[in-house]
Amino acid sequence: MGNFSKVGEIWITGTVKTLKADKGFGFIRDLNGLEYFFHHTDAPDFEAFTLGTAVRFVAKAGTKGPRAEKVELL
């Protein structure tokens, strides 16, 4: 799983809350209830995602709010 070569990246766990597979994006809710936008280009296994799928990701600041990058299935 994952590439830990970058020092300082913090991986967060959560579940897929919203999924717009036809449009290639969705939202993840972390364990604290915060929501993060994610795009299919940041999730190599995007086709396998369904509502409630457990994932881990790296949180980044997006232009419209929190964004999940490097999204991986758990």
PDB file of N, CA and C in Angstrom:
ATOM      1  N   MET A   1       0.820  -1.201   0.000  1.00  0.00           N
ATOM      2  CA  MET A   1       0.000   0.000   0.000  1.00  0.00           C
ATOM      3  C   MET A   1       0.850   1.245   0.000  1.00  0.00           C
ATOM      4  N   GLY A   2       0.477   2.226  -0.711  1.00  0.00           N
ATOM      5  CA  GLY A   2       0.985   3.588  -0.587  1.00  0.00           C
ATOM      6  C   GLY A   2       2.468   3.795  -0.683  1.00  0.00           C
ATOM      7  N   ASN A   3       2.818   5.002  -1.014  1.00  0.00           N
ATOM      8  CA  ASN A   3       4.205   5.404  -1.111  1.00  0.00           C
ATOM      9  C   ASN A   3       4.504   6.353   0.035  1.00  0.00           C
ATOM     10  N   PHE A   4       5.368   5.955   0.931  1.00  0.00           N
ATOM     11  CA  PHE A   4       5.686   6.764   2.093  1.00  0.00           C
ATOM     12  C   PHE A   4       6.994   7.514   1.925  1.00  0.00           C
ATOM     13  N   SER A   5       7.404   7.746   0.684  1.00  0.00           N
ATOM     14  CA  SER A   5       8.691   8.379   0.447  1.00  0.00           C
ATOM     15  C   SER A   5       8.710   9.857   0.834  1.00  0.00           C
ATOM     16  N   LYS A   6       7.566  10.514   0.838  1.00  0.00           N
ATOM     17  CA  LYS A   6       7.536  11.923   1.217  1.00  0.00           C
ATOM     18  C   LYS A   6       7.411  12.050   2.727  1.00  0.00           C
ATOM     19  N   VAL A   7       8.365  12.717   3.328  1.00  0.00           N
ATOM     20  CA  VAL A   7       8.335  12.937   4.765  1.00  0.00           C
ATOM     21  C   VAL A   7       7.323  14.036   5.056  1.00  0.00           C
ATOM     22  N   GLY A   8       6.535  13.852   6.090  1.00  0.00           N
ATOM     23  CA  GLY A   8       5.599  14.884   6.494  1.00  0.00           C
ATOM     24  C   GLY A   8       4.181  14.703   5.994  1.00  0.00           C
ATOM     25  N   GLU A   9       3.946  13.747   5.102  1.00  0.00           N
ATOM     26  CA  GLU A   9       2.574  13.507   4.663  1.00  0.00           C
ATOM     27  C   GLU A   9       1.825  12.789   5.773  1.00  0.00           C
ATOM     28  N   ILE A  10       0.627  13.237   6.019  1.00  0.00           N
ATOM     29  CA  ILE A  10      -0.210  12.612   7.039  1.00  0.00           C
ATOM     30  C   ILE A  10      -1.372  11.922   6.341  1.00  0.00           C
ATOM     31  N   TRP A  11      -1.471  10.640   6.574  1.00  0.00           N
ATOM     32  CA  TRP A  11      -2.562   9.851   5.989  1.00  0.00           C
ATOM     33  C   TRP A  11      -3.751   9.857   6.942  1.00  0.00           C
ATOM     34  N   ILE A  12      -4.927  10.050   6.370  1.00  0.00           N
ATOM     35  CA  ILE A  12      -6.180  10.115   7.121  1.00  0.00           C
ATOM     36  C   ILE A  12      -7.081   8.991   6.623  1.00  0.00           C
ATOM     37  N   THR A  13      -7.863   8.406   7.515  1.00  0.00           N
ATOM     38  CA  THR A  13      -8.821   7.389   7.099  1.00  0.00           C
ATOM     39  C   THR A  13     -10.228   7.967   7.112  1.00  0.00           C
ATOM     40  N   GLY A  14     -11.069   7.401   6.283  1.00  0.00           N
ATOM     41  CA  GLY A  14     -12.453   7.847   6.203  1.00  0.00           C
ATOM     42  C   GLY A  14     -13.250   6.902   5.331  1.00  0.00           C
ATOM     43  N   THR A  15     -14.477   7.322   5.000  1.00  0.00           N
ATOM     44  CA  THR A  15     -15.342   6.536   4.130  1.00  0.00           C
ATOM     45  C   THR A  15     -15.934   7.428   3.046  1.00  0.00           C
ATOM     46  N   VAL A  16     -16.222   6.799   1.917  1.00  0.00           N
ATOM     47  CA  VAL A  16     -16.844   7.520   0.816  1.00  0.00           C
ATOM     48  C   VAL A  16     -18.268   7.876   1.225  1.00  0.00           C
ATOM     49  N   LYS A  17     -18.574   9.175   1.259  1.00  0.00           N
ATOM     50  CA  LYS A  17     -19.896   9.663   1.665  1.00  0.00           C
ATOM     51  C   LYS A  17     -20.791   9.910   0.460  1.00  0.00           C
ATOM     52  N   THR A  18     -20.217  10.500  -0.589  1.00  0.00           N
ATOM     53  CA  THR A  18     -20.944  10.820  -1.815  1.00  0.00           C
ATOM     54  C   THR A  18     -20.105  10.363  -2.986  1.00  0.00           C
ATOM     55  N   LEU A  19     -20.754   9.772  -3.999  1.00  0.00           N
ATOM     56  CA  LEU A  19     -20.026   9.308  -5.163  1.00  0.00           C
ATOM     57  C   LEU A  19     -20.803   9.645  -6.425  1.00  0.00           C
ATOM     58  N   LYS A  20     -20.207  10.418  -7.285  1.00  0.00           N
ATOM     59  CA  LYS A  20     -20.779  10.757  -8.592  1.00  0.00           C
ATOM     60  C   LYS A  20     -19.899  10.090  -9.636  1.00  0.00           C
ATOM     61  N   ALA A  21     -20.006   8.762  -9.737  1.00  0.00           N
ATOM     62  CA  ALA A  21     -19.126   7.975 -10.608  1.00  0.00           C
ATOM     63  C   ALA A  21     -19.204   8.445 -12.056  1.00  0.00           C
ATOM     64  N   ASP A  22     -20.405   8.821 -12.513  1.00  0.00           N
ATOM     65  CA  ASP A  22     -20.568   9.272 -13.895  1.00  0.00           C
ATOM     66  C   ASP A  22     -19.828  10.580 -14.173  1.00  0.00           C
ATOM     67  N   LYS A  23     -19.572  11.353 -13.136  1.00  0.00           N
ATOM     68  CA  LYS A  23     -18.860  12.628 -13.288  1.00  0.00           C
ATOM     69  C   LYS A  23     -17.418  12.544 -12.799  1.00  0.00           C
ATOM     70  N   GLY A  24     -17.048  11.417 -12.167  1.00  0.00           N
ATOM     71  CA  GLY A  24     -15.664  11.184 -11.792  1.00  0.00           C
ATOM     72  C   GLY A  24     -15.191  11.853 -10.517  1.00  0.00           C
ATOM     73  N   PHE A  25     -16.106  12.051  -9.562  1.00  0.00           N
ATOM     74  CA  PHE A  25     -15.691  12.642  -8.292  1.00  0.00           C
ATOM     75  C   PHE A  25     -16.591  12.172  -7.163  1.00  0.00           C
ATOM     76  N   GLY A  26     -16.196  12.550  -5.950  1.00  0.00           N
ATOM     77  CA  GLY A  26     -16.988  12.223  -4.780  1.00  0.00           C
ATOM     78  C   GLY A  26     -16.475  12.964  -3.567  1.00  0.00           C
ATOM     79  N   PHE A  27     -17.027  12.607  -2.414  1.00  0.00           N
ATOM     80  CA  PHE A  27     -16.614  13.208  -1.152  1.00  0.00           C
ATOM     81  C   PHE A  27     -16.362  12.111  -0.138  1.00  0.00           C
ATOM     82  N   ILE A  28     -15.349  12.326   0.672  1.00  0.00           N
ATOM     83  CA  ILE A  28     -14.976  11.404   1.745  1.00  0.00           C
ATOM     84  C   ILE A  28     -15.221  12.102   3.071  1.00  0.00           C
ATOM     85  N   ARG A  29     -15.750  11.370   4.041  1.00  0.00           N
ATOM     86  CA  ARG A  29     -15.912  11.893   5.400  1.00  0.00           C
ATOM     87  C   ARG A  29     -14.893  11.202   6.293  1.00  0.00           C
ATOM     88  N   ASP A  30     -14.096  12.004   7.016  1.00  0.00           N
ATOM     89  CA  ASP A  30     -13.105  11.408   7.918  1.00  0.00           C
ATOM     90  C   ASP A  30     -13.760  11.054   9.249  1.00  0.00           C
ATOM     91  N   LEU A  31     -12.997  10.509  10.159  1.00  0.00           N
ATOM     92  CA  LEU A  31     -13.526  10.050  11.446  1.00  0.00           C
ATOM     93  C   LEU A  31     -14.026  11.190  12.323  1.00  0.00           C
ATOM     94  N   ASN A  32     -13.606  12.438  12.020  1.00  0.00           N
ATOM     95  CA  ASN A  32     -14.061  13.610  12.775  1.00  0.00           C
ATOM     96  C   ASN A  32     -15.251  14.300  12.129  1.00  0.00           C
ATOM     97  N   GLY A  33     -15.721  13.765  11.008  1.00  0.00           N
ATOM     98  CA  GLY A  33     -16.866  14.342  10.328  1.00  0.00           C
ATOM     99  C   GLY A  33     -16.536  15.385   9.272  1.00  0.00           C
ATOM    100  N   LEU A  34     -15.250  15.668   9.059  1.00  0.00           N
ATOM    101  CA  LEU A  34     -14.864  16.619   8.016  1.00  0.00           C
ATOM    102  C   LEU A  34     -14.992  15.953   6.653  1.00  0.00           C
ATOM    103  N   GLU A  35     -15.375  16.741   5.641  1.00  0.00           N
ATOM    104  CA  GLU A  35     -15.548  16.199   4.300  1.00  0.00           C
ATOM    105  C   GLU A  35     -14.494  16.737   3.355  1.00  0.00           C
ATOM    106  N   TYR A  36     -14.041  15.852   2.459  1.00  0.00           N
ATOM    107  CA  TYR A  36     -12.988  16.162   1.504  1.00  0.00           C
ATOM    108  C   TYR A  36     -13.449  15.775   0.103  1.00  0.00           C
ATOM    109  N   PHE A  37     -13.273  16.681  -0.836  1.00  0.00           N
ATOM    110  CA  PHE A  37     -13.548  16.401  -2.235  1.00  0.00           C
ATOM    111  C   PHE A  37     -12.442  15.493  -2.779  1.00  0.00           C
ATOM    112  N   PHE A  38     -12.794  14.555  -3.658  1.00  0.00           N
ATOM    113  CA  PHE A  38     -11.757  13.803  -4.376  1.00  0.00           C
ATOM    114  C   PHE A  38     -12.175  13.590  -5.821  1.00  0.00           C
ATOM    115  N   HIS A  39     -11.178  13.554  -6.688  1.00  0.00           N
ATOM    116  CA  HIS A  39     -11.371  13.373  -8.123  1.00  0.00           C
ATOM    117  C   HIS A  39     -10.827  12.003  -8.505  1.00  0.00           C
ATOM    118  N   HIS A  40     -11.397  11.415  -9.527  1.00  0.00           N
ATOM    119  CA  HIS A  40     -10.966  10.068  -9.917  1.00  0.00           C
ATOM    120  C   HIS A  40      -9.482  10.004 -10.257  1.00  0.00           C
ATOM    121  N   THR A  41      -8.871  11.099 -10.665  1.00  0.00           N
ATOM    122  CA  THR A  41      -7.445  11.091 -10.988  1.00  0.00           C
ATOM    123  C   THR A  41      -6.576  10.948  -9.739  1.00  0.00           C
ATOM    124  N   ASP A  42      -7.157  11.170  -8.566  1.00  0.00           N
ATOM    125  CA  ASP A  42      -6.437  11.001  -7.296  1.00  0.00           C
ATOM    126  C   ASP A  42      -6.742   9.662  -6.637  1.00  0.00           C
ATOM    127  N   ALA A  43      -7.510   8.818  -7.323  1.00  0.00           N
ATOM    128  CA  ALA A  43      -7.933   7.534  -6.755  1.00  0.00           C
ATOM    129  C   ALA A  43      -7.773   6.432  -7.802  1.00  0.00           C
ATOM    130  N   PRO A  44      -6.626   5.752  -7.824  1.00  0.00           N
ATOM    131  CA  PRO A  44      -6.379   4.729  -8.845  1.00  0.00           C
ATOM    132  C   PRO A  44      -7.444   3.633  -8.915  1.00  0.00           C
ATOM    133  N   ASP A  45      -8.086   3.300  -7.808  1.00  0.00           N
ATOM    134  CA  ASP A  45      -9.117   2.254  -7.783  1.00  0.00           C
ATOM    135  C   ASP A  45     -10.524   2.838  -7.800  1.00  0.00           C
ATOM    136  N   PHE A  46     -10.701   4.006  -8.386  1.00  0.00           N
ATOM    137  CA  PHE A  46     -11.976   4.720  -8.367  1.00  0.00           C
ATOM    138  C   PHE A  46     -13.157   3.828  -8.770  1.00  0.00           C
ATOM    139  N   GLU A  47     -12.976   2.972  -9.758  1.00  0.00           N
ATOM    140  CA  GLU A  47     -14.073   2.126 -10.236  1.00  0.00           C
ATOM    141  C   GLU A  47     -14.583   1.171  -9.160  1.00  0.00           C
ATOM    142  N   ALA A  48     -13.751   0.879  -8.175  1.00  0.00           N
ATOM    143  CA  ALA A  48     -14.133  -0.049  -7.105  1.00  0.00           C
ATOM    144  C   ALA A  48     -14.849   0.649  -5.945  1.00  0.00           C
ATOM    145  N   PHE A  49     -14.901   1.969  -5.954  1.00  0.00           N
ATOM    146  CA  PHE A  49     -15.508   2.708  -4.845  1.00  0.00           C
ATOM    147  C   PHE A  49     -17.027   2.626  -4.893  1.00  0.00           C
ATOM    148  N   THR A  50     -17.614   2.478  -3.711  1.00  0.00           N
ATOM    149  CA  THR A  50     -19.058   2.561  -3.531  1.00  0.00           C
ATOM    150  C   THR A  50     -19.295   3.388  -2.270  1.00  0.00           C
ATOM    151  N   LEU A  51     -20.533   3.749  -2.013  1.00  0.00           N
ATOM    152  CA  LEU A  51     -20.837   4.477  -0.779  1.00  0.00           C
ATOM    153  C   LEU A  51     -20.424   3.624   0.409  1.00  0.00           C
ATOM    154  N   GLY A  52     -19.736   4.231   1.357  1.00  0.00           N
ATOM    155  CA  GLY A  52     -19.300   3.526   2.550  1.00  0.00           C
ATOM    156  C   GLY A  52     -17.945   2.850   2.428  1.00  0.00           C
ATOM    157  N   THR A  53     -17.328   2.897   1.254  1.00  0.00           N
ATOM    158  CA  THR A  53     -16.007   2.292   1.070  1.00  0.00           C
ATOM    159  C   THR A  53     -15.003   2.942   2.014  1.00  0.00           C
ATOM    160  N   ALA A  54     -14.226   2.120   2.723  1.00  0.00           N
ATOM    161  CA  ALA A  54     -13.186   2.635   3.618  1.00  0.00           C
ATOM    162  C   ALA A  54     -11.947   2.973   2.786  1.00  0.00           C
ATOM    163  N   VAL A  55     -11.412   4.163   3.023  1.00  0.00           N
ATOM    164  CA  VAL A  55     -10.249   4.633   2.280  1.00  0.00           C
ATOM    165  C   VAL A  55      -9.273   5.341   3.208  1.00  0.00           C
ATOM    166  N   ARG A  56      -8.076   5.582   2.688  1.00  0.00           N
ATOM    167  CA  ARG A  56      -7.135   6.468   3.350  1.00  0.00           C
ATOM    168  C   ARG A  56      -6.638   7.436   2.294  1.00  0.00           C
ATOM    169  N   PHE A  57      -6.178   8.609   2.733  1.00  0.00           N
ATOM    170  CA  PHE A  57      -5.809   9.658   1.788  1.00  0.00           C
ATOM    171  C   PHE A  57      -4.927  10.689   2.467  1.00  0.00           C
ATOM    172  N   VAL A  58      -4.356  11.551   1.636  1.00  0.00           N
ATOM    173  CA  VAL A  58      -3.576  12.687   2.115  1.00  0.00           C
ATOM    174  C   VAL A  58      -4.435  13.927   1.903  1.00  0.00           C
ATOM    175  N   ALA A  59      -4.639  14.713   2.945  1.00  0.00           N
ATOM    176  CA  ALA A  59      -5.467  15.919   2.866  1.00  0.00           C
ATOM    177  C   ALA A  59      -4.646  17.099   2.360  1.00  0.00           C
ATOM    178  N   LYS A  60      -5.241  17.864   1.465  1.00  0.00           N
ATOM    179  CA  LYS A  60      -4.630  19.079   0.929  1.00  0.00           C
ATOM    180  C   LYS A  60      -5.673  20.184   0.932  1.00  0.00           C
ATOM    181  N   ALA A  61      -5.223  21.409   0.855  1.00  0.00           N
ATOM    182  CA  ALA A  61      -6.138  22.544   0.723  1.00  0.00           C
ATOM    183  C   ALA A  61      -6.481  22.699  -0.750  1.00  0.00           C
ATOM    184  N   GLY A  62      -7.756  22.639  -1.080  1.00  0.00           N
ATOM    185  CA  GLY A  62      -8.206  22.840  -2.449  1.00  0.00           C
ATOM    186  C   GLY A  62      -8.721  24.255  -2.630  1.00  0.00           C
ATOM    187  N   THR A  63      -9.008  24.641  -3.845  1.00  0.00           N
ATOM    188  CA  THR A  63      -9.496  25.996  -4.111  1.00  0.00           C
ATOM    189  C   THR A  63     -10.891  26.234  -3.535  1.00  0.00           C
ATOM    190  N   LYS A  64     -11.666  25.158  -3.362  1.00  0.00           N
ATOM    191  CA  LYS A  64     -13.032  25.289  -2.828  1.00  0.00           C
ATOM    192  C   LYS A  64     -13.208  24.608  -1.482  1.00  0.00           C
ATOM    193  N   GLY A  65     -12.104  24.194  -0.855  1.00  0.00           N
ATOM    194  CA  GLY A  65     -12.180  23.519   0.431  1.00  0.00           C
ATOM    195  C   GLY A  65     -11.227  22.349   0.483  1.00  0.00           C
ATOM    196  N   PRO A  66     -11.329  21.525   1.536  1.00  0.00           N
ATOM    197  CA  PRO A  66     -10.417  20.400   1.697  1.00  0.00           C
ATOM    198  C   PRO A  66     -10.513  19.408   0.540  1.00  0.00           C
ATOM    199  N   ARG A  67      -9.366  18.891   0.137  1.00  0.00           N
ATOM    200  CA  ARG A  67      -9.293  17.949  -0.979  1.00  0.00           C
ATOM    201  C   ARG A  67      -8.513  16.715  -0.539  1.00  0.00           C
ATOM    202  N   ALA A  68      -8.946  15.556  -0.992  1.00  0.00           N
ATOM    203  CA  ALA A  68      -8.252  14.305  -0.726  1.00  0.00           C
ATOM    204  C   ALA A  68      -7.428  13.926  -1.948  1.00  0.00           C
ATOM    205  N   GLU A  69      -6.162  13.619  -1.702  1.00  0.00           N
ATOM    206  CA  GLU A  69      -5.277  13.160  -2.766  1.00  0.00           C
ATOM    207  C   GLU A  69      -4.711  11.805  -2.380  1.00  0.00           C
ATOM    208  N   LYS A  70      -4.204  11.070  -3.362  1.00  0.00           N
ATOM    209  CA  LYS A  70      -3.614   9.744  -3.134  1.00  0.00           C
ATOM    210  C   LYS A  70      -4.591   8.828  -2.406  1.00  0.00           C
ATOM    211  N   VAL A  71      -5.823   8.821  -2.853  1.00  0.00           N
ATOM    212  CA  VAL A  71      -6.888   8.040  -2.193  1.00  0.00           C
ATOM    213  C   VAL A  71      -6.696   6.555  -2.492  1.00  0.00           C
ATOM    214  N   GLU A  72      -6.639   5.749  -1.427  1.00  0.00           N
ATOM    215  CA  GLU A  72      -6.421   4.306  -1.539  1.00  0.00           C
ATOM    216  C   GLU A  72      -7.497   3.539  -0.774  1.00  0.00           C
ATOM    217  N   LEU A  73      -7.863   2.388  -1.324  1.00  0.00           N
ATOM    218  CA  LEU A  73      -8.777   1.483  -0.624  1.00  0.00           C
ATOM    219  C   LEU A  73      -8.102   0.919   0.624  1.00  0.00           C
ATOM    220  N   LEU A  74      -8.893   0.696   1.654  1.00  0.00           N
ATOM    221  CA  LEU A  74      -8.389  -0.005   2.847  1.00  0.00           C
ATOM    222  C   LEU A  74      -8.900  -1.431   2.844  1.00  0.00           C
TER     223      LEU A  74
END
